[in-house]
């Protein structure tokens, strides 16, 4: 499906992208910790809400 050159390029691109994202995240970690305090709770309640919607859908269909 893909040529050898395309596969090598894709693998190198993914590796470079992940390395760049880790570097940028580490650089901005202090700022994120200060500005986005409590974001974990928002994610937690969002997941709970989605689960609750699936439960309601299940009981309404039965």
C-alpha atoms as a PDB file:
ATOM      1  CA  UNK A   1       0.000   0.000   0.000  1.00  0.00           C
ATOM      2  CA  UNK A   2       2.781   2.433   0.944  1.00  0.00           C
ATOM      3  CA  UNK A   3       6.289   2.511  -0.409  1.00  0.00           C
ATOM      4  CA  UNK A   4       9.276   1.966   1.857  1.00  0.00           C
ATOM      5  CA  UNK A   5      10.206   5.637   1.646  1.00  0.00           C
ATOM      6  CA  UNK A   6       6.717   6.724   2.701  1.00  0.00           C
ATOM      7  CA  UNK A   7       6.748   4.386   5.694  1.00  0.00           C
ATOM      8  CA  UNK A   8      10.172   5.621   6.805  1.00  0.00           C
ATOM      9  CA  UNK A   9       9.027   9.235   6.454  1.00  0.00           C
ATOM     10  CA  UNK A  10       5.837   8.552   8.432  1.00  0.00           C
ATOM     11  CA  UNK A  11       7.731   6.834  11.245  1.00  0.00           C
ATOM     12  CA  UNK A  12      10.324   9.616  11.454  1.00  0.00           C
ATOM     13  CA  UNK A  13       7.609  12.261  11.342  1.00  0.00           C
ATOM     14  CA  UNK A  14       5.689  10.639  14.210  1.00  0.00           C
ATOM     15  CA  UNK A  15       8.861  10.325  16.299  1.00  0.00           C
ATOM     16  CA  UNK A  16       9.822  13.970  15.647  1.00  0.00           C
ATOM     17  CA  UNK A  17       6.276  15.143  16.402  1.00  0.00           C
ATOM     18  CA  UNK A  18       6.126  13.271  19.718  1.00  0.00           C
ATOM     19  CA  UNK A  19       9.558  14.564  20.755  1.00  0.00           C
ATOM     20  CA  UNK A  20       8.537  18.137  19.906  1.00  0.00           C
ATOM     21  CA  UNK A  21       5.261  17.816  21.839  1.00  0.00           C
ATOM     22  CA  UNK A  22       7.056  16.453  24.923  1.00  0.00           C
ATOM     23  CA  UNK A  23       9.603  19.273  24.749  1.00  0.00           C
ATOM     24  CA  UNK A  24       6.924  21.958  24.423  1.00  0.00           C
ATOM     25  CA  UNK A  25       4.804  20.419  27.197  1.00  0.00           C
ATOM     26  CA  UNK A  26       7.749  20.327  29.602  1.00  0.00           C
ATOM     27  CA  UNK A  27       8.588  23.928  28.757  1.00  0.00           C
ATOM     28  CA  UNK A  28       5.029  25.119  29.477  1.00  0.00           C
ATOM     29  CA  UNK A  29       4.250  22.796  32.414  1.00  0.00           C
ATOM     30  CA  UNK A  30       4.650  25.468  35.115  1.00  0.00           C
ATOM     31  CA  UNK A  31       2.348  27.845  33.251  1.00  0.00           C
ATOM     32  CA  UNK A  32      -0.269  25.108  32.724  1.00  0.00           C
ATOM     33  CA  UNK A  33      -0.168  24.126  36.394  1.00  0.00           C
ATOM     34  CA  UNK A  34      -0.809  27.747  37.388  1.00  0.00           C
ATOM     35  CA  UNK A  35      -3.457  28.669  34.804  1.00  0.00           C
ATOM     36  CA  UNK A  36      -5.384  25.412  34.514  1.00  0.00           C
ATOM     37  CA  UNK A  37      -5.703  24.351  38.137  1.00  0.00           C
ATOM     38  CA  UNK A  38      -8.744  22.123  38.628  1.00  0.00           C
ATOM     39  CA  UNK A  39      -9.117  21.039  35.006  1.00  0.00           C
ATOM     40  CA  UNK A  40      -8.964  17.395  36.073  1.00  0.00           C
ATOM     41  CA  UNK A  41     -12.261  17.811  37.936  1.00  0.00           C
ATOM     42  CA  UNK A  42     -13.927  19.229  34.833  1.00  0.00           C
ATOM     43  CA  UNK A  43     -12.791  16.202  32.829  1.00  0.00           C
ATOM     44  CA  UNK A  44     -13.966  13.840  35.585  1.00  0.00           C
ATOM     45  CA  UNK A  45     -17.478  15.333  35.716  1.00  0.00           C
ATOM     46  CA  UNK A  46     -17.684  15.458  31.918  1.00  0.00           C
ATOM     47  CA  UNK A  47     -16.950  11.717  31.721  1.00  0.00           C
ATOM     48  CA  UNK A  48     -19.493  11.051  34.485  1.00  0.00           C
ATOM     49  CA  UNK A  49     -22.067  13.100  32.545  1.00  0.00           C
ATOM     50  CA  UNK A  50     -21.438  11.132  29.335  1.00  0.00           C
ATOM     51  CA  UNK A  51     -21.788   7.838  31.241  1.00  0.00           C
ATOM     52  CA  UNK A  52     -25.018   9.134  32.780  1.00  0.00           C
ATOM     53  CA  UNK A  53     -26.384   9.928  29.301  1.00  0.00           C
ATOM     54  CA  UNK A  54     -25.603   6.391  28.107  1.00  0.00           C
ATOM     55  CA  UNK A  55     -27.355   4.960  31.178  1.00  0.00           C
ATOM     56  CA  UNK A  56     -30.453   7.065  30.487  1.00  0.00           C
ATOM     57  CA  UNK A  57     -30.412   5.993  26.836  1.00  0.00           C
ATOM     58  CA  UNK A  58     -30.138   2.331  27.831  1.00  0.00           C
ATOM     59  CA  UNK A  59     -33.096   2.493  30.241  1.00  0.00           C
ATOM     60  CA  UNK A  60     -35.296   4.493  27.846  1.00  0.00           C
ATOM     61  CA  UNK A  61     -34.743   1.994  25.023  1.00  0.00           C
ATOM     62  CA  UNK A  62     -35.691  -1.015  27.195  1.00  0.00           C
END
